[in-house]
Amino acid sequence: MVFYVEDTGPGIPDDRKKEIFEKYAQLDEHKYMGFGLGLAMCRMAVELHKGRIWVESERGKGSRFFFSVPSCGMETVRPSRAGSGLQG
Protein backbone atom coordinates (compact mmCIF):
# COMPACT_ATOMS: atom_id res chain seq x y z
CA MET A 1 0.00 0.00 0.00
CA VAL A 2 1.26 3.48 -0.83
CA PHE A 3 0.29 6.67 0.98
CA TYR A 4 1.33 10.26 0.40
CA VAL A 5 1.02 13.76 1.80
CA GLU A 6 1.72 16.83 -0.27
CA ASP A 7 2.30 20.49 0.41
CA THR A 8 2.75 23.70 -1.55
CA GLY A 9 5.86 24.84 0.31
CA PRO A 10 9.22 25.94 -1.08
CA GLY A 11 10.28 22.44 -2.13
CA ILE A 12 13.45 20.53 -1.32
CA PRO A 13 16.71 20.72 -3.28
CA ASP A 14 17.63 17.44 -5.01
CA ASP A 15 20.90 17.15 -3.10
CA ARG A 16 19.09 17.28 0.26
CA LYS A 17 16.25 14.80 -0.35
CA LYS A 18 17.90 11.79 1.30
CA GLU A 19 19.36 13.86 4.13
CA ILE A 20 15.98 15.13 5.38
CA PHE A 21 15.09 11.67 6.71
CA GLU A 22 18.12 11.67 9.06
CA LYS A 23 17.90 12.72 12.72
CA TYR A 24 18.30 16.46 13.34
CA ALA A 25 18.29 17.31 9.62
CA GLN A 26 16.93 20.74 8.78
CA LEU A 27 16.91 22.78 5.61
CA ASP A 28 18.60 26.14 6.02
CA GLU A 29 15.39 28.10 5.48
CA HIS A 30 13.64 26.05 8.20
CA LYS A 31 16.39 25.94 10.79
CA TYR A 32 15.23 26.27 14.35
CA MET A 33 11.56 25.71 13.50
CA GLY A 34 11.76 22.27 15.09
CA PHE A 35 14.20 19.63 16.21
CA GLY A 36 14.58 17.88 12.87
CA LEU A 37 13.20 14.60 14.19
CA GLY A 38 9.78 14.30 12.54
CA LEU A 39 10.81 12.75 9.22
CA ALA A 40 13.45 10.60 10.93
CA MET A 41 10.77 9.15 13.20
CA CYS A 42 8.50 8.59 10.20
CA ARG A 43 11.32 6.75 8.43
CA MET A 44 11.96 4.54 11.46
CA ALA A 45 8.26 3.65 11.81
CA VAL A 46 7.91 2.83 8.11
CA GLU A 47 11.08 0.74 8.07
CA LEU A 48 9.94 -1.19 11.15
CA HIS A 49 6.92 -2.21 9.10
CA LYS A 50 9.17 -3.31 6.21
CA GLY A 51 8.22 -0.27 4.18
CA ARG A 52 9.93 2.50 2.26
CA ILE A 53 9.72 6.30 2.49
CA TRP A 54 10.75 8.93 -0.06
CA VAL A 55 10.06 12.44 -1.27
CA GLU A 56 9.40 13.95 -4.67
CA SER A 57 9.87 17.69 -4.79
CA GLU A 58 10.54 20.58 -7.09
CA ARG A 59 11.90 23.88 -5.83
CA GLY A 60 9.14 26.47 -5.64
CA LYS A 61 6.39 23.92 -6.27
CA GLY A 62 6.10 21.98 -3.03
CA SER A 63 6.78 18.41 -2.02
CA ARG A 64 5.04 15.07 -1.99
CA PHE A 65 6.10 12.64 0.74
CA PHE A 66 5.37 8.97 0.06
CA PHE A 67 5.58 5.85 2.12
CA SER A 68 4.76 2.28 1.28
CA VAL A 69 4.17 -0.71 3.51
CA PRO A 70 3.54 -4.29 2.48
CA SER A 71 -0.05 -5.42 2.45
CA CYS A 72 -0.76 -7.57 5.49
CA GLY A 73 -2.22 -10.22 3.19
CA MET A 74 -5.71 -9.99 4.64
CA GLU A 75 -8.47 -10.41 2.14
CA THR A 76 -12.00 -9.24 2.81
CA VAL A 77 -13.03 -11.16 5.89
CA ARG A 78 -16.48 -12.69 5.88
CA PRO A 79 -17.99 -13.82 9.14
CA SER A 80 -18.09 -17.56 9.61
CA ARG A 81 -21.53 -19.09 9.84
CA ALA A 82 -20.27 -21.75 12.23
CA GLY A 83 -20.92 -20.68 15.79
CA SER A 84 -22.32 -17.31 14.80
CA GLY A 85 -25.93 -18.13 15.35
CA LEU A 86 -26.67 -17.65 11.65
CA GLN A 87 -28.77 -20.24 9.88
CA GLY A 88 -27.88 -21.37 6.44
PDB file of N, CA and C in Angstrom:
ATOM      1  N   MET A   1       0.849  -1.162   0.000  1.00  0.00           N
ATOM      2  CA  MET A   1       0.000   0.000   0.000  1.00  0.00           C
ATOM      3  C   MET A   1       0.900   1.232   0.000  1.00  0.00           C
ATOM      4  N   VAL A   2       0.492   2.243  -0.734  1.00  0.00           N
ATOM      5  CA  VAL A   2       1.263   3.482  -0.825  1.00  0.00           C
ATOM      6  C   VAL A   2       0.390   4.634  -0.358  1.00  0.00           C
ATOM      7  N   PHE A   3       0.966   5.489   0.474  1.00  0.00           N
ATOM      8  CA  PHE A   3       0.290   6.674   0.984  1.00  0.00           C
ATOM      9  C   PHE A   3       1.148   7.885   0.661  1.00  0.00           C
ATOM     10  N   TYR A   4       0.525   9.048   0.565  1.00  0.00           N
ATOM     11  CA  TYR A   4       1.330  10.259   0.399  1.00  0.00           C
ATOM     12  C   TYR A   4       0.629  11.463   1.008  1.00  0.00           C
ATOM     13  N   VAL A   5       1.467  12.457   1.302  1.00  0.00           N
ATOM     14  CA  VAL A   5       1.020  13.759   1.799  1.00  0.00           C
ATOM     15  C   VAL A   5       1.753  14.782   0.961  1.00  0.00           C
ATOM     16  N   GLU A   6       1.041  15.815   0.526  1.00  0.00           N
ATOM     17  CA  GLU A   6       1.720  16.834  -0.270  1.00  0.00           C
ATOM     18  C   GLU A   6       1.498  18.211   0.307  1.00  0.00           C
ATOM     19  N   ASP A   7       2.420  19.112  -0.038  1.00  0.00           N
ATOM     20  CA  ASP A   7       2.300  20.495   0.407  1.00  0.00           C
ATOM     21  C   ASP A   7       2.633  21.423  -0.751  1.00  0.00           C
ATOM     22  N   THR A   8       2.446  22.697  -0.533  1.00  0.00           N
ATOM     23  CA  THR A   8       2.749  23.701  -1.552  1.00  0.00           C
ATOM     24  C   THR A   8       3.865  24.609  -1.080  1.00  0.00           C
ATOM     25  N   GLY A   9       4.746  24.070  -0.263  1.00  0.00           N
ATOM     26  CA  GLY A   9       5.855  24.844   0.309  1.00  0.00           C
ATOM     27  C   GLY A   9       6.948  25.134  -0.705  1.00  0.00           C
ATOM     28  N   PRO A  10       8.124  25.524  -0.207  1.00  0.00           N
ATOM     29  CA  PRO A  10       9.220  25.945  -1.080  1.00  0.00           C
ATOM     30  C   PRO A  10       9.908  24.809  -1.828  1.00  0.00           C
ATOM     31  N   GLY A  11       9.622  23.567  -1.481  1.00  0.00           N
ATOM     32  CA  GLY A  11      10.282  22.442  -2.134  1.00  0.00           C
ATOM     33  C   GLY A  11      11.615  22.116  -1.475  1.00  0.00           C
ATOM     34  N   ILE A  12      12.205  21.028  -1.910  1.00  0.00           N
ATOM     35  CA  ILE A  12      13.449  20.531  -1.318  1.00  0.00           C
ATOM     36  C   ILE A  12      14.475  20.359  -2.429  1.00  0.00           C
ATOM     37  N   PRO A  13      15.673  20.891  -2.254  1.00  0.00           N
ATOM     38  CA  PRO A  13      16.714  20.715  -3.278  1.00  0.00           C
ATOM     39  C   PRO A  13      17.037  19.229  -3.474  1.00  0.00           C
ATOM     40  N   ASP A  14      17.337  18.840  -4.699  1.00  0.00           N
ATOM     41  CA  ASP A  14      17.630  17.440  -5.010  1.00  0.00           C
ATOM     42  C   ASP A  14      18.735  16.871  -4.130  1.00  0.00           C
ATOM     43  N   ASP A  15      19.762  17.657  -3.874  1.00  0.00           N
ATOM     44  CA  ASP A  15      20.903  17.151  -3.104  1.00  0.00           C
ATOM     45  C   ASP A  15      20.608  16.991  -1.609  1.00  0.00           C
ATOM     46  N   ARG A  16      19.433  17.389  -1.163  1.00  0.00           N
ATOM     47  CA  ARG A  16      19.087  17.285   0.260  1.00  0.00           C
ATOM     48  C   ARG A  16      17.973  16.270   0.522  1.00  0.00           C
ATOM     49  N   LYS A  17      17.424  15.671  -0.506  1.00  0.00           N
ATOM     50  CA  LYS A  17      16.250  14.802  -0.353  1.00  0.00           C
ATOM     51  C   LYS A  17      16.493  13.606   0.556  1.00  0.00           C
ATOM     52  N   LYS A  18      17.626  12.936   0.444  1.00  0.00           N
ATOM     53  CA  LYS A  18      17.901  11.785   1.304  1.00  0.00           C
ATOM     54  C   LYS A  18      18.234  12.233   2.722  1.00  0.00           C
ATOM     55  N   GLU A  19      18.911  13.336   2.835  1.00  0.00           N
ATOM     56  CA  GLU A  19      19.356  13.857   4.131  1.00  0.00           C
ATOM     57  C   GLU A  19      18.195  14.214   5.061  1.00  0.00           C
ATOM     58  N   ILE A  20      17.074  14.646   4.519  1.00  0.00           N
ATOM     59  CA  ILE A  20      15.982  15.126   5.378  1.00  0.00           C
ATOM     60  C   ILE A  20      15.357  14.031   6.232  1.00  0.00           C
ATOM     61  N   PHE A  21      15.629  12.770   5.919  1.00  0.00           N
ATOM     62  CA  PHE A  21      15.090  11.666   6.708  1.00  0.00           C
ATOM     63  C   PHE A  21      16.038  11.235   7.835  1.00  0.00           C
ATOM     64  N   GLU A  22      17.157  11.960   7.992  1.00  0.00           N
ATOM     65  CA  GLU A  22      18.117  11.674   9.060  1.00  0.00           C
ATOM     66  C   GLU A  22      17.768  12.495  10.300  1.00  0.00           C
ATOM     67  N   LYS A  23      18.163  11.999  11.468  1.00  0.00           N
ATOM     68  CA  LYS A  23      17.903  12.720  12.722  1.00  0.00           C
ATOM     69  C   LYS A  23      18.559  14.098  12.690  1.00  0.00           C
ATOM     70  N   TYR A  24      17.856  15.073  13.178  1.00  0.00           N
ATOM     71  CA  TYR A  24      18.295  16.462  13.342  1.00  0.00           C
ATOM     72  C   TYR A  24      18.542  17.194  12.023  1.00  0.00           C
ATOM     73  N   ALA A  25      18.110  16.635  10.912  1.00  0.00           N
ATOM     74  CA  ALA A  25      18.289  17.307   9.624  1.00  0.00           C
ATOM     75  C   ALA A  25      17.294  18.455   9.503  1.00  0.00           C
ATOM     76  N   GLN A  26      17.780  19.570   9.020  1.00  0.00           N
ATOM     77  CA  GLN A  26      16.930  20.736   8.778  1.00  0.00           C
ATOM     78  C   GLN A  26      17.432  21.456   7.544  1.00  0.00           C
ATOM     79  N   LEU A  27      16.524  21.933   6.726  1.00  0.00           N
ATOM     80  CA  LEU A  27      16.915  22.778   5.608  1.00  0.00           C
ATOM     81  C   LEU A  27      17.255  24.154   6.154  1.00  0.00           C
ATOM     82  N   ASP A  28      18.149  24.843   5.527  1.00  0.00           N
ATOM     83  CA  ASP A  28      18.599  26.138   6.024  1.00  0.00           C
ATOM     84  C   ASP A  28      17.459  27.111   6.262  1.00  0.00           C
ATOM     85  N   GLU A  29      16.494  27.152   5.341  1.00  0.00           N
ATOM     86  CA  GLU A  29      15.386  28.099   5.485  1.00  0.00           C
ATOM     87  C   GLU A  29      14.415  27.719   6.598  1.00  0.00           C
ATOM     88  N   HIS A  30      14.532  26.492   7.126  1.00  0.00           N
ATOM     89  CA  HIS A  30      13.637  26.055   8.196  1.00  0.00           C
ATOM     90  C   HIS A  30      14.376  25.806   9.508  1.00  0.00           C
ATOM     91  N   LYS A  31      15.621  26.175   9.571  1.00  0.00           N
ATOM     92  CA  LYS A  31      16.394  25.936  10.792  1.00  0.00           C
ATOM     93  C   LYS A  31      15.705  26.552  11.995  1.00  0.00           C
ATOM     94  N   TYR A  32      15.740  25.822  13.058  1.00  0.00           N
ATOM     95  CA  TYR A  32      15.230  26.267  14.354  1.00  0.00           C
ATOM     96  C   TYR A  32      13.707  26.327  14.423  1.00  0.00           C
ATOM     97  N   MET A  33      13.014  25.769  13.428  1.00  0.00           N
ATOM     98  CA  MET A  33      11.556  25.710  13.501  1.00  0.00           C
ATOM     99  C   MET A  33      11.115  24.422  14.194  1.00  0.00           C
ATOM    100  N   GLY A  34      12.042  23.538  14.431  1.00  0.00           N
ATOM    101  CA  GLY A  34      11.757  22.271  15.089  1.00  0.00           C
ATOM    102  C   GLY A  34      13.071  21.605  15.435  1.00  0.00           C
ATOM    103  N   PHE A  35      12.999  20.352  15.825  1.00  0.00           N
ATOM    104  CA  PHE A  35      14.205  19.633  16.210  1.00  0.00           C
ATOM    105  C   PHE A  35      14.785  18.795  15.078  1.00  0.00           C
ATOM    106  N   GLY A  36      14.084  18.685  13.970  1.00  0.00           N
ATOM    107  CA  GLY A  36      14.578  17.877  12.868  1.00  0.00           C
ATOM    108  C   GLY A  36      14.425  16.387  13.117  1.00  0.00           C
ATOM    109  N   LEU A  37      13.406  16.016  13.867  1.00  0.00           N
ATOM    110  CA  LEU A  37      13.200  14.604  14.190  1.00  0.00           C
ATOM    111  C   LEU A  37      11.968  13.990  13.525  1.00  0.00           C
ATOM    112  N   GLY A  38      11.050  14.800  13.060  1.00  0.00           N
ATOM    113  CA  GLY A  38       9.776  14.297  12.542  1.00  0.00           C
ATOM    114  C   GLY A  38       9.922  13.306  11.407  1.00  0.00           C
ATOM    115  N   LEU A  39      10.665  13.660  10.357  1.00  0.00           N
ATOM    116  CA  LEU A  39      10.812  12.753   9.220  1.00  0.00           C
ATOM    117  C   LEU A  39      11.684  11.552   9.572  1.00  0.00           C
ATOM    118  N   ALA A  40      12.636  11.732  10.484  1.00  0.00           N
ATOM    119  CA  ALA A  40      13.452  10.600  10.932  1.00  0.00           C
ATOM    120  C   ALA A  40      12.579   9.585  11.666  1.00  0.00           C
ATOM    121  N   MET A  41      11.680  10.058  12.493  1.00  0.00           N
ATOM    122  CA  MET A  41      10.774   9.147  13.204  1.00  0.00           C
ATOM    123  C   MET A  41       9.824   8.466  12.227  1.00  0.00           C
ATOM    124  N   CYS A  42       9.355   9.194  11.233  1.00  0.00           N
ATOM    125  CA  CYS A  42       8.500   8.585  10.200  1.00  0.00           C
ATOM    126  C   CYS A  42       9.259   7.478   9.484  1.00  0.00           C
ATOM    127  N   ARG A  43      10.514   7.757   9.103  1.00  0.00           N
ATOM    128  CA  ARG A  43      11.318   6.750   8.427  1.00  0.00           C
ATOM    129  C   ARG A  43      11.483   5.501   9.291  1.00  0.00           C
ATOM    130  N   MET A  44      11.773   5.683  10.570  1.00  0.00           N
ATOM    131  CA  MET A  44      11.959   4.539  11.460  1.00  0.00           C
ATOM    132  C   MET A  44      10.679   3.705  11.563  1.00  0.00           C
ATOM    133  N   ALA A  45       9.537   4.369  11.700  1.00  0.00           N
ATOM    134  CA  ALA A  45       8.264   3.647  11.814  1.00  0.00           C
ATOM    135  C   ALA A  45       7.958   2.871  10.532  1.00  0.00           C
ATOM    136  N   VAL A  46       8.175   3.497   9.387  1.00  0.00           N
ATOM    137  CA  VAL A  46       7.905   2.833   8.112  1.00  0.00           C
ATOM    138  C   VAL A  46       8.842   1.643   7.929  1.00  0.00           C
ATOM    139  N   GLU A  47      10.123   1.833   8.235  1.00  0.00           N
ATOM    140  CA  GLU A  47      11.078   0.736   8.072  1.00  0.00           C
ATOM    141  C   GLU A  47      10.795  -0.417   9.030  1.00  0.00           C
ATOM    142  N   LEU A  48      10.312  -0.125  10.220  1.00  0.00           N
ATOM    143  CA  LEU A  48       9.944  -1.192  11.152  1.00  0.00           C
ATOM    144  C   LEU A  48       8.811  -2.057  10.601  1.00  0.00           C
ATOM    145  N   HIS A  49       8.014  -1.472   9.728  1.00  0.00           N
ATOM    146  CA  HIS A  49       6.919  -2.206   9.098  1.00  0.00           C
ATOM    147  C   HIS A  49       7.315  -2.719   7.720  1.00  0.00           C
ATOM    148  N   LYS A  50       8.622  -2.796   7.475  1.00  0.00           N
ATOM    149  CA  LYS A  50       9.174  -3.315   6.212  1.00  0.00           C
ATOM    150  C   LYS A  50       8.766  -2.469   5.007  1.00  0.00           C
ATOM    151  N   GLY A  51       8.637  -1.169   5.240  1.00  0.00           N
ATOM    152  CA  GLY A  51       8.221  -0.265   4.180  1.00  0.00           C
ATOM    153  C   GLY A  51       9.355   0.609   3.683  1.00  0.00           C
ATOM    154  N   ARG A  52       8.985   1.579   2.888  1.00  0.00           N
ATOM    155  CA  ARG A  52       9.933   2.496   2.260  1.00  0.00           C
ATOM    156  C   ARG A  52       9.335   3.899   2.317  1.00  0.00           C
ATOM    157  N   ILE A  53      10.183   4.915   2.461  1.00  0.00           N
ATOM    158  CA  ILE A  53       9.723   6.298   2.492  1.00  0.00           C
ATOM    159  C   ILE A  53      10.600   7.120   1.558  1.00  0.00           C
ATOM    160  N   TRP A  54       9.993   8.081   0.849  1.00  0.00           N
ATOM    161  CA  TRP A  54      10.749   8.927  -0.062  1.00  0.00           C
ATOM    162  C   TRP A  54       9.984  10.214  -0.316  1.00  0.00           C
ATOM    163  N   VAL A  55      10.667  11.149  -0.953  1.00  0.00           N
ATOM    164  CA  VAL A  55      10.056  12.439  -1.269  1.00  0.00           C
ATOM    165  C   VAL A  55      10.279  12.761  -2.738  1.00  0.00           C
ATOM    166  N   GLU A  56       9.285  13.375  -3.332  1.00  0.00           N
ATOM    167  CA  GLU A  56       9.400  13.955  -4.669  1.00  0.00           C
ATOM    168  C   GLU A  56       9.121  15.434  -4.494  1.00  0.00           C
ATOM    169  N   SER A  57      10.003  16.263  -5.025  1.00  0.00           N
ATOM    170  CA  SER A  57       9.869  17.690  -4.789  1.00  0.00           C
ATOM    171  C   SER A  57      10.516  18.480  -5.913  1.00  0.00           C
ATOM    172  N   GLU A  58       9.966  19.645  -6.134  1.00  0.00           N
ATOM    173  CA  GLU A  58      10.541  20.578  -7.088  1.00  0.00           C
ATOM    174  C   GLU A  58      10.589  21.943  -6.419  1.00  0.00           C
ATOM    175  N   ARG A  59      11.749  22.579  -6.476  1.00  0.00           N
ATOM    176  CA  ARG A  59      11.903  23.879  -5.826  1.00  0.00           C
ATOM    177  C   ARG A  59      10.818  24.842  -6.292  1.00  0.00           C
ATOM    178  N   GLY A  60      10.178  25.503  -5.339  1.00  0.00           N
ATOM    179  CA  GLY A  60       9.143  26.472  -5.635  1.00  0.00           C
ATOM    180  C   GLY A  60       7.769  25.884  -5.918  1.00  0.00           C
ATOM    181  N   LYS A  61       7.669  24.544  -5.931  1.00  0.00           N
ATOM    182  CA  LYS A  61       6.386  23.917  -6.265  1.00  0.00           C
ATOM    183  C   LYS A  61       5.905  22.932  -5.207  1.00  0.00           C
ATOM    184  N   GLY A  62       6.555  22.864  -4.086  1.00  0.00           N
ATOM    185  CA  GLY A  62       6.095  21.982  -3.025  1.00  0.00           C
ATOM    186  C   GLY A  62       6.721  20.605  -3.060  1.00  0.00           C
ATOM    187  N   SER A  63       6.228  19.759  -2.173  1.00  0.00           N
ATOM    188  CA  SER A  63       6.775  18.410  -2.020  1.00  0.00           C
ATOM    189  C   SER A  63       5.647  17.409  -1.847  1.00  0.00           C
ATOM    190  N   ARG A  64       5.952  16.177  -2.214  1.00  0.00           N
ATOM    191  CA  ARG A  64       5.038  15.072  -1.987  1.00  0.00           C
ATOM    192  C   ARG A  64       5.848  13.978  -1.294  1.00  0.00           C
ATOM    193  N   PHE A  65       5.433  13.654  -0.063  1.00  0.00           N
ATOM    194  CA  PHE A  65       6.097  12.639   0.744  1.00  0.00           C
ATOM    195  C   PHE A  65       5.303  11.341   0.637  1.00  0.00           C
ATOM    196  N   PHE A  66       5.989  10.280   0.246  1.00  0.00           N
ATOM    197  CA  PHE A  66       5.373   8.970   0.061  1.00  0.00           C
ATOM    198  C   PHE A  66       5.896   7.985   1.089  1.00  0.00           C
ATOM    199  N   PHE A  67       5.067   7.024   1.445  1.00  0.00           N
ATOM    200  CA  PHE A  67       5.582   5.846   2.115  1.00  0.00           C
ATOM    201  C   PHE A  67       4.758   4.650   1.684  1.00  0.00           C
ATOM    202  N   SER A  68       5.431   3.523   1.644  1.00  0.00           N
ATOM    203  CA  SER A  68       4.756   2.285   1.281  1.00  0.00           C
ATOM    204  C   SER A  68       5.017   1.256   2.366  1.00  0.00           C
ATOM    205  N   VAL A  69       4.045   0.420   2.582  1.00  0.00           N
ATOM    206  CA  VAL A  69       4.174  -0.707   3.508  1.00  0.00           C
ATOM    207  C   VAL A  69       3.557  -1.918   2.827  1.00  0.00           C
ATOM    208  N   PRO A  70       4.114  -3.099   3.100  1.00  0.00           N
ATOM    209  CA  PRO A  70       3.543  -4.292   2.484  1.00  0.00           C
ATOM    210  C   PRO A  70       2.114  -4.518   2.955  1.00  0.00           C
ATOM    211  N   SER A  71       1.309  -5.041   2.074  1.00  0.00           N
ATOM    212  CA  SER A  71      -0.046  -5.421   2.451  1.00  0.00           C
ATOM    213  C   SER A  71       0.062  -6.538   3.469  1.00  0.00           C
ATOM    214  N   CYS A  72      -0.818  -6.548   4.446  1.00  0.00           N
ATOM    215  CA  CYS A  72      -0.756  -7.570   5.486  1.00  0.00           C
ATOM    216  C   CYS A  72      -1.291  -8.904   4.995  1.00  0.00           C
ATOM    217  N   GLY A  73      -1.763  -8.963   3.761  1.00  0.00           N
ATOM    218  CA  GLY A  73      -2.224 -10.217   3.189  1.00  0.00           C
ATOM    219  C   GLY A  73      -3.645 -10.568   3.556  1.00  0.00           C
ATOM    220  N   MET A  74      -4.326  -9.694   4.258  1.00  0.00           N
ATOM    221  CA  MET A  74      -5.710  -9.988   4.639  1.00  0.00           C
ATOM    222  C   MET A  74      -6.641  -9.673   3.482  1.00  0.00           C
ATOM    223  N   GLU A  75      -7.434 -10.616   3.132  1.00  0.00           N
ATOM    224  CA  GLU A  75      -8.472 -10.411   2.139  1.00  0.00           C
ATOM    225  C   GLU A  75      -9.714  -9.934   2.888  1.00  0.00           C
ATOM    226  N   THR A  76     -10.753  -9.619   2.154  1.00  0.00           N
ATOM    227  CA  THR A  76     -11.999  -9.240   2.805  1.00  0.00           C
ATOM    228  C   THR A  76     -12.442 -10.396   3.691  1.00  0.00           C
ATOM    229  N   VAL A  77     -12.667 -10.119   4.932  1.00  0.00           N
ATOM    230  CA  VAL A  77     -13.033 -11.165   5.892  1.00  0.00           C
ATOM    231  C   VAL A  77     -14.543 -11.253   5.966  1.00  0.00           C
ATOM    232  N   ARG A  78     -15.047 -12.456   5.762  1.00  0.00           N
ATOM    233  CA  ARG A  78     -16.483 -12.690   5.877  1.00  0.00           C
ATOM    234  C   ARG A  78     -16.715 -13.466   7.160  1.00  0.00           C
ATOM    235  N   PRO A  79     -17.730 -13.097   7.895  1.00  0.00           N
ATOM    236  CA  PRO A  79     -17.986 -13.821   9.142  1.00  0.00           C
ATOM    237  C   PRO A  79     -18.318 -15.280   8.866  1.00  0.00           C
ATOM    238  N   SER A  80     -17.812 -16.135   9.719  1.00  0.00           N
ATOM    239  CA  SER A  80     -18.086 -17.556   9.606  1.00  0.00           C
ATOM    240  C   SER A  80     -19.501 -17.833  10.084  1.00  0.00           C
ATOM    241  N   ARG A  81     -20.171 -18.723   9.413  1.00  0.00           N
ATOM    242  CA  ARG A  81     -21.533 -19.089   9.838  1.00  0.00           C
ATOM    243  C   ARG A  81     -21.463 -20.052  11.027  1.00  0.00           C
ATOM    244  N   ALA A  82     -20.389 -20.787  11.137  1.00  0.00           N
ATOM    245  CA  ALA A  82     -20.268 -21.751  12.230  1.00  0.00           C
ATOM    246  C   ALA A  82     -20.140 -21.013  13.549  1.00  0.00           C
ATOM    247  N   GLY A  83     -20.999 -21.270  14.459  1.00  0.00           N
ATOM    248  CA  GLY A  83     -20.922 -20.679  15.792  1.00  0.00           C
ATOM    249  C   GLY A  83     -21.370 -19.242  15.876  1.00  0.00           C
ATOM    250  N   SER A  84     -21.905 -18.708  14.768  1.00  0.00           N
ATOM    251  CA  SER A  84     -22.316 -17.310  14.799  1.00  0.00           C
ATOM    252  C   SER A  84     -23.787 -17.134  15.089  1.00  0.00           C
ATOM    253  N   GLY A  85     -24.512 -18.227  15.130  1.00  0.00           N
ATOM    254  CA  GLY A  85     -25.933 -18.129  15.350  1.00  0.00           C
ATOM    255  C   GLY A  85     -26.716 -17.901  14.067  1.00  0.00           C
ATOM    256  N   LEU A  86     -26.004 -17.847  12.942  1.00  0.00           N
ATOM    257  CA  LEU A  86     -26.672 -17.652  11.646  1.00  0.00           C
ATOM    258  C   LEU A  86     -27.125 -18.987  11.107  1.00  0.00           C
ATOM    259  N   GLN A  87     -28.239 -19.022  10.499  1.00  0.00           N
ATOM    260  CA  GLN A  87     -28.769 -20.238   9.882  1.00  0.00           C
ATOM    261  C   GLN A  87     -28.394 -20.229   8.410  1.00  0.00           C
ATOM    262  N   GLY A  88     -28.115 -21.380   7.857  1.00  0.00           N
ATOM    263  CA  GLY A  88     -27.883 -21.373   6.440  1.00  0.00           C
ATOM    264  C   GLY A  88     -26.918 -22.339   6.049  1.00  0.00           C
TER     265      GLY A  88
END
